[in-house]
Amino acid sequence: MKYTVVIPVYNSEETIGECLKSLIGQKGATNGLDYSILVVDDGSTDSTPEIAKSFPVKVVTLDKNRGRIMARLYGATNAEAQRLLFVDSRVTLPEDTLAKLDQFDGLPAVIGETNPYGTKYESLIHTVLYLIRRRYYGKDFFPITGDMLINEQNFKRAPKGTAVLLIDRDLFVKLTPERTGKDVNDDTLLFHNLVYDQKISLLRSARLFFRYSQRTDPGQFSSWLFYRGVRFCDFYLRPGGYFHIHFLLLALVFAALLSLIFMPWGLFLLSALAMAADAVIALYLSEERKDFKRVFFGLPPIVSIFGAGIAAFWAKKLLGALMRGHS
C-alpha cells in the first residue's frame, strides 16, 4: 500500500459524505490495495462518525475535541502507508487523483490547488475574500494555474494551506508544531518549519486539483472567520511575528480614532472616516466596476468578525498574564 488518505473531521456531517464518495470512486487505484482511507473524528457531536462508518474506510474517534493538530498527528502516526495525503472534509477530488500521485514521487511535500473563479461572485463575502487574496498574493500567483515552488524568498506572500497535502509521514511528524492548542496557526507553522528549519521547498501545484465546498451558512462562516482571526494572531501578530510591528502601529491609530467618540460630533466624524476608508479600500481591491459595491458592503462585516477574533486572542493573552501575576 503506497498511500494513506487521512481526513481529520469535526462536525462535518454536511460534507464528509461527498468527500468520501470522491475517494471511494477513484479510477486507476483501488481502495484497500493501492491506498487506504483513515477518518479521524475529532470528537464530533453530530452524525459525522456515523456517516463515515457507512463507507469502506477506517474510522477512529478521539475521546474529546482536541483540535486539528492532534487529529492530524493521530492520523499520521496510525497510517498504514509512509506517504500521506491529508484531505479536508470539505474537499472532493477528481476521480483520477490517486492514480496520478506518482508524478509527485521524490517530492517531500506538495499542496493542491482549487479554482476560486467560480465562487468569486457566489456572495458578497466570497467576492471580498477573493479580491483580498488577489491583492495580497499578487495576480500572478493567485490563483495558480501551474506549479509554484514556495521557499524562503517568497514564503511570506505565497498562498498556502492544507486542504490537500501530500507529504511523507516521518517528515510530517517532525514538522508538527510543539504548541498543540486549538488556537495555534498550525498550517503556517507546519510550512514554516518545512521551509526555514528543514530547508525544504514546498510545491503548490494545480496538477493536484481539488474542489472545495464553501461555507454558505452565516453561522458557520462567522465562526470560521472568527477563528481565522485568532489563528492569524497566533503566527503573524504575536511578538516576533511578521506583522507584529504593523499591528502595534495600527492599534495605536485605532485607539486614537476611538478617542474621537468623546469629542463633539465625534461619533459622526468617526463614522464618516470609516465609510471613506471603506470606499478607498473598495476602489483599491476592485478589478471590475461591479466589484466596488460588493466590497463596500461586504468588507465591514468581514473586518468586524475577523477583528473580533484578533481581540479575543489578545484578551485571552492578557487574562492569562493577569492570572499568572496573581498566582
C-alpha atoms as a PDB file:
ATOM      1  CA  MET A   1       0.000   0.000   0.000  1.00  0.00           C
ATOM      2  CA  LYS A   2       1.541   3.275  -1.122  1.00  0.00           C
ATOM      3  CA  TYR A   3      -0.778   5.969   0.251  1.00  0.00           C
ATOM      4  CA  THR A   4      -2.955   6.589   3.264  1.00  0.00           C
ATOM      5  CA  VAL A   5      -5.578   9.291   2.878  1.00  0.00           C
ATOM      6  CA  VAL A   6      -6.048  10.989   6.251  1.00  0.00           C
ATOM      7  CA  ILE A   7      -9.227  13.018   6.805  1.00  0.00           C
ATOM      8  CA  PRO A   8      -9.457  14.869  10.136  1.00  0.00           C
ATOM      9  CA  VAL A   9     -13.093  15.788  10.797  1.00  0.00           C
ATOM     10  CA  TYR A  10     -15.130  17.682  13.358  1.00  0.00           C
ATOM     11  CA  ASN A  11     -18.892  18.185  12.953  1.00  0.00           C
ATOM     12  CA  SER A  12     -18.664  17.740   9.190  1.00  0.00           C
ATOM     13  CA  GLU A  13     -21.929  15.912   8.529  1.00  0.00           C
ATOM     14  CA  GLU A  14     -22.813  18.243   5.631  1.00  0.00           C
ATOM     15  CA  THR A  15     -19.705  17.483   3.559  1.00  0.00           C
ATOM     16  CA  ILE A  16     -17.993  14.278   4.733  1.00  0.00           C
ATOM     17  CA  GLY A  17     -20.249  12.069   2.587  1.00  0.00           C
ATOM     18  CA  GLU A  18     -19.353  13.782  -0.692  1.00  0.00           C
ATOM     19  CA  CYS A  19     -15.696  13.861   0.316  1.00  0.00           C
ATOM     20  CA  LEU A  20     -15.626  10.097   0.893  1.00  0.00           C
ATOM     21  CA  LYS A  21     -17.625   9.354  -2.267  1.00  0.00           C
ATOM     22  CA  SER A  22     -14.962  11.098  -4.328  1.00  0.00           C
ATOM     23  CA  LEU A  23     -12.260   8.999  -2.663  1.00  0.00           C
ATOM     24  CA  ILE A  24     -14.019   5.639  -2.820  1.00  0.00           C
ATOM     25  CA  GLY A  25     -14.839   6.125  -6.507  1.00  0.00           C
ATOM     26  CA  GLN A  26     -11.259   6.602  -7.669  1.00  0.00           C
ATOM     27  CA  LYS A  27     -10.272   5.157 -11.048  1.00  0.00           C
ATOM     28  CA  GLY A  28      -6.893   3.576 -11.689  1.00  0.00           C
ATOM     29  CA  ALA A  29      -6.297   2.928  -7.986  1.00  0.00           C
ATOM     30  CA  THR A  30      -8.042   0.520  -5.616  1.00  0.00           C
ATOM     31  CA  ASN A  31      -9.098   1.372  -2.069  1.00  0.00           C
ATOM     32  CA  GLY A  32      -7.626  -1.201   0.299  1.00  0.00           C
ATOM     33  CA  LEU A  33      -4.915  -2.206  -2.152  1.00  0.00           C
ATOM     34  CA  ASP A  34      -3.195   0.891  -3.551  1.00  0.00           C
ATOM     35  CA  TYR A  35      -4.374   3.217  -0.808  1.00  0.00           C
ATOM     36  CA  SER A  36      -6.298   3.240   2.451  1.00  0.00           C
ATOM     37  CA  ILE A  37      -8.554   5.884   3.984  1.00  0.00           C
ATOM     38  CA  LEU A  38      -8.371   6.874   7.642  1.00  0.00           C
ATOM     39  CA  VAL A  39     -11.015   9.220   9.060  1.00  0.00           C
ATOM     40  CA  VAL A  40     -10.025  10.782  12.382  1.00  0.00           C
ATOM     41  CA  ASP A  41     -13.157  12.034  14.111  1.00  0.00           C
ATOM     42  CA  ASP A  42     -12.084  14.787  16.498  1.00  0.00           C
ATOM     43  CA  GLY A  43     -14.918  14.305  18.998  1.00  0.00           C
ATOM     44  CA  SER A  44     -17.810  15.323  16.722  1.00  0.00           C
ATOM     45  CA  THR A  45     -21.205  15.907  18.316  1.00  0.00           C
ATOM     46  CA  ASP A  46     -23.204  15.456  15.104  1.00  0.00           C
ATOM     47  CA  SER A  47     -23.645  12.471  12.785  1.00  0.00           C
ATOM     48  CA  THR A  48     -20.195  12.744  11.183  1.00  0.00           C
ATOM     49  CA  PRO A  49     -18.813   9.440  12.541  1.00  0.00           C
ATOM     50  CA  GLU A  50     -21.963   7.517  11.604  1.00  0.00           C
ATOM     51  CA  ILE A  51     -21.825   8.830   8.032  1.00  0.00           C
ATOM     52  CA  ALA A  52     -18.130   7.982   7.745  1.00  0.00           C
ATOM     53  CA  LYS A  53     -18.688   4.446   9.038  1.00  0.00           C
ATOM     54  CA  SER A  54     -21.157   3.793   6.217  1.00  0.00           C
ATOM     55  CA  PHE A  55     -18.195   3.834   3.797  1.00  0.00           C
ATOM     56  CA  PRO A  56     -15.425   1.216   3.445  1.00  0.00           C
ATOM     57  CA  VAL A  57     -12.939   3.278   5.439  1.00  0.00           C
ATOM     58  CA  LYS A  58     -11.315   3.091   8.858  1.00  0.00           C
ATOM     59  CA  VAL A  59     -12.843   5.498  11.372  1.00  0.00           C
ATOM     60  CA  VAL A  60     -11.311   6.357  14.739  1.00  0.00           C
ATOM     61  CA  THR A  61     -12.925   8.738  17.223  1.00  0.00           C
ATOM     62  CA  LEU A  62     -10.865  10.723  19.694  1.00  0.00           C
ATOM     63  CA  ASP A  63     -12.158  10.863  23.259  1.00  0.00           C
ATOM     64  CA  LYS A  64     -12.792  14.611  23.005  1.00  0.00           C
ATOM     65  CA  ASN A  65     -12.304  17.542  20.653  1.00  0.00           C
ATOM     66  CA  ARG A  66      -8.544  18.084  20.718  1.00  0.00           C
ATOM     67  CA  GLY A  67      -8.105  20.332  17.684  1.00  0.00           C
ATOM     68  CA  ARG A  68      -6.883  19.632  14.186  1.00  0.00           C
ATOM     69  CA  ILE A  69      -3.189  19.458  15.127  1.00  0.00           C
ATOM     70  CA  MET A  70      -3.772  16.444  17.334  1.00  0.00           C
ATOM     71  CA  ALA A  71      -6.245  14.890  14.873  1.00  0.00           C
ATOM     72  CA  ARG A  72      -3.735  15.124  12.045  1.00  0.00           C
ATOM     73  CA  LEU A  73      -0.907  13.828  14.211  1.00  0.00           C
ATOM     74  CA  TYR A  74      -3.007  10.846  15.300  1.00  0.00           C
ATOM     75  CA  GLY A  75      -3.795  10.115  11.667  1.00  0.00           C
ATOM     76  CA  ALA A  76      -0.142  10.344  10.662  1.00  0.00           C
ATOM     77  CA  THR A  77       1.149   8.073  13.412  1.00  0.00           C
ATOM     78  CA  ASN A  78      -1.556   5.470  12.778  1.00  0.00           C
ATOM     79  CA  ALA A  79      -1.416   5.477   8.983  1.00  0.00           C
ATOM     80  CA  GLU A  80      -0.607   2.261   7.122  1.00  0.00           C
ATOM     81  CA  ALA A  81       1.496   3.897   4.412  1.00  0.00           C
ATOM     82  CA  GLN A  82       4.587   6.054   4.521  1.00  0.00           C
ATOM     83  CA  ARG A  83       3.131   8.522   2.033  1.00  0.00           C
ATOM     84  CA  LEU A  84       0.194  10.552   3.358  1.00  0.00           C
ATOM     85  CA  LEU A  85      -2.498  12.517   1.564  1.00  0.00           C
ATOM     86  CA  PHE A  86      -4.254  14.837   4.007  1.00  0.00           C
ATOM     87  CA  VAL A  87      -7.679  15.870   2.735  1.00  0.00           C
ATOM     88  CA  ASP A  88     -10.046  18.385   4.315  1.00  0.00           C
ATOM     89  CA  SER A  89     -13.599  17.142   4.886  1.00  0.00           C
ATOM     90  CA  ARG A  90     -14.930  19.942   2.644  1.00  0.00           C
ATOM     91  CA  VAL A  91     -12.854  18.716  -0.306  1.00  0.00           C
ATOM     92  CA  THR A  92     -13.845  16.495  -3.221  1.00  0.00           C
ATOM     93  CA  LEU A  93     -11.161  15.098  -5.521  1.00  0.00           C
ATOM     94  CA  PRO A  94     -11.256  14.287  -9.246  1.00  0.00           C
ATOM     95  CA  GLU A  95     -11.684  10.558  -9.868  1.00  0.00           C
ATOM     96  CA  ASP A  96      -8.117  10.090 -11.156  1.00  0.00           C
ATOM     97  CA  THR A  97      -6.286  11.857  -8.304  1.00  0.00           C
ATOM     98  CA  LEU A  98      -4.856   8.787  -6.551  1.00  0.00           C
ATOM     99  CA  ALA A  99      -3.762   7.238  -9.829  1.00  0.00           C
ATOM    100  CA  LYS A 100      -1.784  10.375 -10.710  1.00  0.00           C
ATOM    101  CA  LEU A 101       0.011  10.915  -7.400  1.00  0.00           C
ATOM    102  CA  ASP A 102       3.076   9.080  -8.719  1.00  0.00           C
ATOM    103  CA  GLN A 103       4.011  12.215 -10.645  1.00  0.00           C
ATOM    104  CA  PHE A 104       4.989  13.756  -7.303  1.00  0.00           C
ATOM    105  CA  ASP A 105       7.291  10.915  -6.236  1.00  0.00           C
ATOM    106  CA  GLY A 106      10.513  12.252  -4.787  1.00  0.00           C
ATOM    107  CA  LEU A 107       8.888  15.497  -3.604  1.00  0.00           C
ATOM    108  CA  PRO A 108       8.690  15.704   0.200  1.00  0.00           C
ATOM    109  CA  ALA A 109       5.611  17.952   0.362  1.00  0.00           C
ATOM    110  CA  VAL A 110       3.038  19.068  -2.208  1.00  0.00           C
ATOM    111  CA  ILE A 111      -0.143  21.091  -1.685  1.00  0.00           C
ATOM    112  CA  GLY A 112      -3.076  21.170  -4.076  1.00  0.00           C
ATOM    113  CA  GLU A 113      -4.841  23.998  -5.849  1.00  0.00           C
ATOM    114  CA  THR A 114      -8.517  24.782  -6.328  1.00  0.00           C
ATOM    115  CA  ASN A 115     -10.197  27.106  -8.799  1.00  0.00           C
ATOM    116  CA  PRO A 116     -11.714  30.095  -6.962  1.00  0.00           C
ATOM    117  CA  TYR A 117     -13.072  31.823 -10.094  1.00  0.00           C
ATOM    118  CA  GLY A 118     -16.396  30.029  -9.819  1.00  0.00           C
ATOM    119  CA  THR A 119     -17.001  31.283  -6.278  1.00  0.00           C
ATOM    120  CA  LYS A 120     -15.920  34.895  -6.775  1.00  0.00           C
ATOM    121  CA  TYR A 121     -19.497  36.142  -7.152  1.00  0.00           C
ATOM    122  CA  GLU A 122     -21.205  33.484  -5.048  1.00  0.00           C
ATOM    123  CA  SER A 123     -21.814  36.082  -2.328  1.00  0.00           C
ATOM    124  CA  LEU A 124     -20.556  39.458  -1.132  1.00  0.00           C
ATOM    125  CA  ILE A 125     -18.229  37.694   1.289  1.00  0.00           C
ATOM    126  CA  HIS A 126     -16.737  35.431  -1.364  1.00  0.00           C
ATOM    127  CA  THR A 127     -16.080  38.405  -3.630  1.00  0.00           C
ATOM    128  CA  VAL A 128     -14.271  40.301  -0.901  1.00  0.00           C
ATOM    129  CA  LEU A 129     -12.117  37.354   0.179  1.00  0.00           C
ATOM    130  CA  TYR A 130     -11.212  36.561  -3.417  1.00  0.00           C
ATOM    131  CA  LEU A 131     -10.144  40.140  -4.158  1.00  0.00           C
ATOM    132  CA  ILE A 132      -8.184  40.456  -0.904  1.00  0.00           C
ATOM    133  CA  ARG A 133      -6.214  37.343  -1.799  1.00  0.00           C
ATOM    134  CA  ARG A 134      -5.614  38.632  -5.335  1.00  0.00           C
ATOM    135  CA  ARG A 135      -4.142  41.857  -3.965  1.00  0.00           C
ATOM    136  CA  TYR A 136      -2.115  40.280  -1.175  1.00  0.00           C
ATOM    137  CA  TYR A 137      -0.632  37.338  -3.083  1.00  0.00           C
ATOM    138  CA  GLY A 138      -0.459  39.096  -6.436  1.00  0.00           C
ATOM    139  CA  LYS A 139      -2.454  38.417  -9.585  1.00  0.00           C
ATOM    140  CA  ASP A 140       0.371  36.290 -10.997  1.00  0.00           C
ATOM    141  CA  PHE A 141       0.238  33.926  -8.025  1.00  0.00           C
ATOM    142  CA  PHE A 142      -3.464  33.713  -7.144  1.00  0.00           C
ATOM    143  CA  PRO A 143      -4.988  31.626  -8.423  1.00  0.00           C
ATOM    144  CA  ILE A 144      -2.140  29.394  -9.597  1.00  0.00           C
ATOM    145  CA  THR A 145      -2.625  27.663 -12.918  1.00  0.00           C
ATOM    146  CA  GLY A 146       0.649  25.701 -12.892  1.00  0.00           C
ATOM    147  CA  ASP A 147       3.324  24.967 -10.315  1.00  0.00           C
ATOM    148  CA  MET A 148       4.751  27.301  -7.677  1.00  0.00           C
ATOM    149  CA  LEU A 149       7.770  26.473  -5.542  1.00  0.00           C
ATOM    150  CA  ILE A 150       7.470  28.072  -2.103  1.00  0.00           C
ATOM    151  CA  ASN A 151      10.785  28.837  -0.403  1.00  0.00           C
ATOM    152  CA  GLU A 152      12.323  31.366   1.989  1.00  0.00           C
ATOM    153  CA  GLN A 153      12.278  34.101  -0.646  1.00  0.00           C
ATOM    154  CA  ASN A 154       8.531  34.056  -1.290  1.00  0.00           C
ATOM    155  CA  PHE A 155       7.164  32.345   1.829  1.00  0.00           C
ATOM    156  CA  LYS A 156       5.512  35.434   3.332  1.00  0.00           C
ATOM    157  CA  ARG A 157       3.462  36.207   0.240  1.00  0.00           C
ATOM    158  CA  ALA A 158       2.831  32.728  -1.159  1.00  0.00           C
ATOM    159  CA  PRO A 159      -0.678  31.203  -0.904  1.00  0.00           C
ATOM    160  CA  LYS A 160      -0.532  28.025   1.160  1.00  0.00           C
ATOM    161  CA  GLY A 161      -2.919  25.755   3.033  1.00  0.00           C
ATOM    162  CA  THR A 162      -3.505  22.136   3.977  1.00  0.00           C
ATOM    163  CA  ALA A 163      -6.871  21.463   2.318  1.00  0.00           C
ATOM    164  CA  VAL A 164      -4.968  18.875   0.235  1.00  0.00           C
ATOM    165  CA  LEU A 165      -1.439  17.993   1.334  1.00  0.00           C
ATOM    166  CA  LEU A 166       0.755  15.159   0.058  1.00  0.00           C
ATOM    167  CA  ILE A 167       3.671  14.557   2.419  1.00  0.00           C
ATOM    168  CA  ASP A 168       5.974  11.869   3.807  1.00  0.00           C
ATOM    169  CA  ARG A 169       4.741  10.578   7.172  1.00  0.00           C
ATOM    170  CA  ASP A 170       8.011  10.917   9.104  1.00  0.00           C
ATOM    171  CA  LEU A 171       8.506  14.420   7.777  1.00  0.00           C
ATOM    172  CA  PHE A 172       5.005  15.466   8.816  1.00  0.00           C
ATOM    173  CA  VAL A 173       5.530  14.176  12.359  1.00  0.00           C
ATOM    174  CA  LYS A 174       8.825  16.068  12.541  1.00  0.00           C
ATOM    175  CA  LEU A 175       7.189  19.290  11.341  1.00  0.00           C
ATOM    176  CA  THR A 176       4.211  19.170  13.720  1.00  0.00           C
ATOM    177  CA  PRO A 177       4.310  22.299  15.955  1.00  0.00           C
ATOM    178  CA  GLU A 178       5.213  21.856  19.611  1.00  0.00           C
ATOM    179  CA  ARG A 179       2.252  24.047  20.557  1.00  0.00           C
ATOM    180  CA  THR A 180      -0.872  21.958  20.031  1.00  0.00           C
ATOM    181  CA  GLY A 181      -3.717  24.206  21.196  1.00  0.00           C
ATOM    182  CA  LYS A 182      -6.818  24.754  19.094  1.00  0.00           C
ATOM    183  CA  ASP A 183      -5.887  28.403  18.520  1.00  0.00           C
ATOM    184  CA  VAL A 184      -2.450  27.615  17.067  1.00  0.00           C
ATOM    185  CA  ASN A 185      -1.893  28.541  13.412  1.00  0.00           C
ATOM    186  CA  ASP A 186      -0.737  25.015  12.660  1.00  0.00           C
ATOM    187  CA  ASP A 187      -0.835  25.235   8.852  1.00  0.00           C
ATOM    188  CA  THR A 188       1.558  28.169   8.640  1.00  0.00           C
ATOM    189  CA  LEU A 189       3.790  26.822  11.403  1.00  0.00           C
ATOM    190  CA  LEU A 190       3.989  23.464   9.648  1.00  0.00           C
ATOM    191  CA  PHE A 191       5.140  25.026   6.390  1.00  0.00           C
ATOM    192  CA  HIS A 192       7.421  27.489   8.183  1.00  0.00           C
ATOM    193  CA  ASN A 193       9.184  24.579   9.860  1.00  0.00           C
ATOM    194  CA  LEU A 194       9.464  22.837   6.494  1.00  0.00           C
ATOM    195  CA  VAL A 195      10.938  25.791   4.604  1.00  0.00           C
ATOM    196  CA  TYR A 196      13.058  27.502   7.269  1.00  0.00           C
ATOM    197  CA  ASP A 197      14.088  24.699   9.625  1.00  0.00           C
ATOM    198  CA  GLN A 198      14.323  21.751   7.232  1.00  0.00           C
ATOM    199  CA  LYS A 199      15.349  23.902   4.233  1.00  0.00           C
ATOM    200  CA  ILE A 200      12.867  22.037   2.008  1.00  0.00           C
ATOM    201  CA  SER A 201      10.828  23.860  -0.632  1.00  0.00           C
ATOM    202  CA  LEU A 202       7.070  23.313  -0.781  1.00  0.00           C
ATOM    203  CA  LEU A 203       5.415  22.713  -4.146  1.00  0.00           C
ATOM    204  CA  ARG A 204       1.972  24.150  -4.781  1.00  0.00           C
ATOM    205  CA  SER A 205       0.587  22.550  -7.914  1.00  0.00           C
ATOM    206  CA  ALA A 206      -2.572  22.917  -9.985  1.00  0.00           C
ATOM    207  CA  ARG A 207      -1.908  19.320 -11.103  1.00  0.00           C
ATOM    208  CA  LEU A 208      -3.131  18.292  -7.648  1.00  0.00           C
ATOM    209  CA  PHE A 209      -6.515  19.876  -8.245  1.00  0.00           C
ATOM    210  CA  PHE A 210      -9.422  19.726  -5.816  1.00  0.00           C
ATOM    211  CA  ARG A 211     -12.871  21.214  -5.357  1.00  0.00           C
ATOM    212  CA  TYR A 212     -13.720  22.954  -2.117  1.00  0.00           C
ATOM    213  CA  SER A 213     -17.226  23.306  -0.705  1.00  0.00           C
ATOM    214  CA  GLN A 214     -17.529  26.874   0.534  1.00  0.00           C
ATOM    215  CA  ARG A 215     -19.385  27.669   3.756  1.00  0.00           C
ATOM    216  CA  THR A 216     -22.726  29.254   2.951  1.00  0.00           C
ATOM    217  CA  ASP A 217     -24.413  29.121   6.354  1.00  0.00           C
ATOM    218  CA  PRO A 218     -23.899  32.537   8.051  1.00  0.00           C
ATOM    219  CA  GLY A 219     -23.280  30.967  11.448  1.00  0.00           C
ATOM    220  CA  GLN A 220     -20.670  28.538  10.148  1.00  0.00           C
ATOM    221  CA  PHE A 221     -18.977  31.206   8.098  1.00  0.00           C
ATOM    222  CA  SER A 222     -18.850  33.655  11.023  1.00  0.00           C
ATOM    223  CA  SER A 223     -17.338  31.020  13.296  1.00  0.00           C
ATOM    224  CA  TRP A 224     -14.757  30.091  10.657  1.00  0.00           C
ATOM    225  CA  LEU A 225     -13.792  33.737  10.044  1.00  0.00           C
ATOM    226  CA  PHE A 226     -13.584  34.460  13.781  1.00  0.00           C
ATOM    227  CA  TYR A 227     -11.111  31.627  14.338  1.00  0.00           C
ATOM    228  CA  ARG A 228      -9.175  32.692  11.266  1.00  0.00           C
ATOM    229  CA  GLY A 229      -8.609  35.949  13.122  1.00  0.00           C
ATOM    230  CA  VAL A 230      -7.487  34.086  16.223  1.00  0.00           C
ATOM    231  CA  ARG A 231      -5.054  31.861  14.308  1.00  0.00           C
ATOM    232  CA  PHE A 232      -3.794  34.806  12.260  1.00  0.00           C
ATOM    233  CA  CYS A 233      -2.726  36.431  15.525  1.00  0.00           C
ATOM    234  CA  ASP A 234      -1.006  33.274  16.694  1.00  0.00           C
ATOM    235  CA  PHE A 235       1.567  33.404  13.893  1.00  0.00           C
ATOM    236  CA  TYR A 236       1.571  36.851  12.302  1.00  0.00           C
ATOM    237  CA  LEU A 237       0.749  39.277  15.130  1.00  0.00           C
ATOM    238  CA  ARG A 238       2.389  37.710  18.182  1.00  0.00           C
ATOM    239  CA  PRO A 239       5.753  39.221  19.314  1.00  0.00           C
ATOM    240  CA  GLY A 240       8.284  38.313  16.661  1.00  0.00           C
ATOM    241  CA  GLY A 241       5.566  37.670  14.062  1.00  0.00           C
ATOM    242  CA  TYR A 242       5.778  39.075  10.547  1.00  0.00           C
ATOM    243  CA  PHE A 243       3.257  41.847  11.145  1.00  0.00           C
ATOM    244  CA  HIS A 244       3.661  42.471  14.886  1.00  0.00           C
ATOM    245  CA  ILE A 245       5.080  46.000  14.492  1.00  0.00           C
ATOM    246  CA  HIS A 246       2.485  46.891  11.872  1.00  0.00           C
ATOM    247  CA  PHE A 247      -0.210  45.646  14.212  1.00  0.00           C
ATOM    248  CA  LEU A 248       1.042  47.778  17.114  1.00  0.00           C
ATOM    249  CA  LEU A 249       1.086  50.895  14.929  1.00  0.00           C
ATOM    250  CA  LEU A 250      -2.397  50.141  13.614  1.00  0.00           C
ATOM    251  CA  ALA A 251      -3.653  49.552  17.167  1.00  0.00           C
ATOM    252  CA  LEU A 252      -2.345  52.973  18.201  1.00  0.00           C
ATOM    253  CA  VAL A 253      -4.089  54.623  15.254  1.00  0.00           C
ATOM    254  CA  PHE A 254      -7.306  52.765  16.056  1.00  0.00           C
ATOM    255  CA  ALA A 255      -7.140  53.841  19.710  1.00  0.00           C
ATOM    256  CA  ALA A 256      -6.600  57.451  18.663  1.00  0.00           C
ATOM    257  CA  LEU A 257      -9.600  57.313  16.334  1.00  0.00           C
ATOM    258  CA  LEU A 258     -11.785  55.811  19.057  1.00  0.00           C
ATOM    259  CA  SER A 259     -10.980  58.815  21.246  1.00  0.00           C
ATOM    260  CA  LEU A 260     -12.995  60.899  18.784  1.00  0.00           C
ATOM    261  CA  ILE A 261     -16.135  59.465  20.368  1.00  0.00           C
ATOM    262  CA  PHE A 262     -15.636  61.749  23.358  1.00  0.00           C
ATOM    263  CA  MET A 263     -15.475  64.867  21.197  1.00  0.00           C
ATOM    264  CA  PRO A 264     -18.434  66.902  19.929  1.00  0.00           C
ATOM    265  CA  TRP A 265     -19.693  65.311  16.722  1.00  0.00           C
ATOM    266  CA  GLY A 266     -17.045  62.654  17.308  1.00  0.00           C
ATOM    267  CA  LEU A 267     -19.287  59.707  16.515  1.00  0.00           C
ATOM    268  CA  PHE A 268     -20.401  61.343  13.268  1.00  0.00           C
ATOM    269  CA  LEU A 269     -16.796  62.079  12.287  1.00  0.00           C
ATOM    270  CA  LEU A 270     -15.695  58.556  13.146  1.00  0.00           C
ATOM    271  CA  SER A 271     -18.497  57.094  11.018  1.00  0.00           C
ATOM    272  CA  ALA A 272     -17.583  59.354   8.104  1.00  0.00           C
ATOM    273  CA  LEU A 273     -13.921  58.323   8.325  1.00  0.00           C
ATOM    274  CA  ALA A 274     -14.895  54.645   8.423  1.00  0.00           C
ATOM    275  CA  MET A 275     -17.087  54.999   5.327  1.00  0.00           C
ATOM    276  CA  ALA A 276     -14.355  56.907   3.499  1.00  0.00           C
ATOM    277  CA  ALA A 277     -11.792  54.224   4.369  1.00  0.00           C
ATOM    278  CA  ASP A 278     -14.216  51.530   3.222  1.00  0.00           C
ATOM    279  CA  ALA A 279     -14.672  53.315  -0.111  1.00  0.00           C
ATOM    280  CA  VAL A 280     -10.917  53.737  -0.651  1.00  0.00           C
ATOM    281  CA  ILE A 281     -10.236  50.075   0.099  1.00  0.00           C
ATOM    282  CA  ALA A 282     -13.100  49.025  -2.168  1.00  0.00           C
ATOM    283  CA  LEU A 283     -11.585  51.039  -5.009  1.00  0.00           C
ATOM    284  CA  TYR A 284      -8.160  49.528  -4.341  1.00  0.00           C
ATOM    285  CA  LEU A 285      -9.434  45.940  -4.317  1.00  0.00           C
ATOM    286  CA  SER A 286     -11.906  46.134  -7.207  1.00  0.00           C
ATOM    287  CA  GLU A 287     -10.988  44.621 -10.565  1.00  0.00           C
ATOM    288  CA  GLU A 288     -14.316  45.329 -12.280  1.00  0.00           C
ATOM    289  CA  ARG A 289     -16.923  48.036 -11.809  1.00  0.00           C
ATOM    290  CA  LYS A 290     -19.380  45.637 -10.187  1.00  0.00           C
ATOM    291  CA  ASP A 291     -16.764  44.677  -7.574  1.00  0.00           C
ATOM    292  CA  PHE A 292     -16.895  48.057  -5.825  1.00  0.00           C
ATOM    293  CA  LYS A 293     -20.415  47.740  -4.456  1.00  0.00           C
ATOM    294  CA  ARG A 294     -19.796  44.188  -3.282  1.00  0.00           C
ATOM    295  CA  VAL A 295     -16.587  45.092  -1.488  1.00  0.00           C
ATOM    296  CA  PHE A 296     -18.042  48.277   0.005  1.00  0.00           C
ATOM    297  CA  PHE A 297     -20.886  46.371   1.671  1.00  0.00           C
ATOM    298  CA  GLY A 298     -19.085  43.077   2.270  1.00  0.00           C
ATOM    299  CA  LEU A 299     -15.881  44.371   3.829  1.00  0.00           C
ATOM    300  CA  PRO A 300     -17.301  45.821   7.097  1.00  0.00           C
ATOM    301  CA  PRO A 301     -18.779  42.539   8.411  1.00  0.00           C
ATOM    302  CA  ILE A 302     -15.607  40.641   7.446  1.00  0.00           C
ATOM    303  CA  VAL A 303     -13.398  43.154   9.233  1.00  0.00           C
ATOM    304  CA  SER A 304     -15.700  43.118  12.266  1.00  0.00           C
ATOM    305  CA  ILE A 305     -15.759  39.321  12.666  1.00  0.00           C
ATOM    306  CA  PHE A 306     -12.078  38.828  11.843  1.00  0.00           C
ATOM    307  CA  GLY A 307     -11.230  41.720  14.182  1.00  0.00           C
ATOM    308  CA  ALA A 308     -13.302  40.128  16.941  1.00  0.00           C
ATOM    309  CA  GLY A 309     -11.091  37.047  16.616  1.00  0.00           C
ATOM    310  CA  ILE A 310      -7.996  39.219  16.954  1.00  0.00           C
ATOM    311  CA  ALA A 311      -9.468  40.957  20.001  1.00  0.00           C
ATOM    312  CA  ALA A 312     -10.372  37.601  21.574  1.00  0.00           C
ATOM    313  CA  PHE A 313      -6.812  36.339  21.076  1.00  0.00           C
ATOM    314  CA  TRP A 314      -5.260  39.300  22.870  1.00  0.00           C
ATOM    315  CA  ALA A 315      -7.926  39.368  25.575  1.00  0.00           C
ATOM    316  CA  LYS A 316      -7.120  35.728  26.325  1.00  0.00           C
ATOM    317  CA  LYS A 317      -3.402  36.533  26.434  1.00  0.00           C
ATOM    318  CA  LEU A 318      -3.973  39.486  28.768  1.00  0.00           C
ATOM    319  CA  LEU A 319      -6.231  37.494  31.069  1.00  0.00           C
ATOM    320  CA  GLY A 320      -3.664  34.699  31.233  1.00  0.00           C
ATOM    321  CA  ALA A 321      -0.908  37.169  32.099  1.00  0.00           C
ATOM    322  CA  LEU A 322      -3.027  38.736  34.857  1.00  0.00           C
ATOM    323  CA  MET A 323      -3.852  35.354  36.356  1.00  0.00           C
ATOM    324  CA  ARG A 324      -0.170  34.338  36.350  1.00  0.00           C
ATOM    325  CA  GLY A 325       0.676  37.651  38.001  1.00  0.00           C
ATOM    326  CA  HIS A 326      -1.745  36.977  40.862  1.00  0.00           C
ATOM    327  CA  SER A 327      -0.657  33.383  41.385  1.00  0.00           C
END
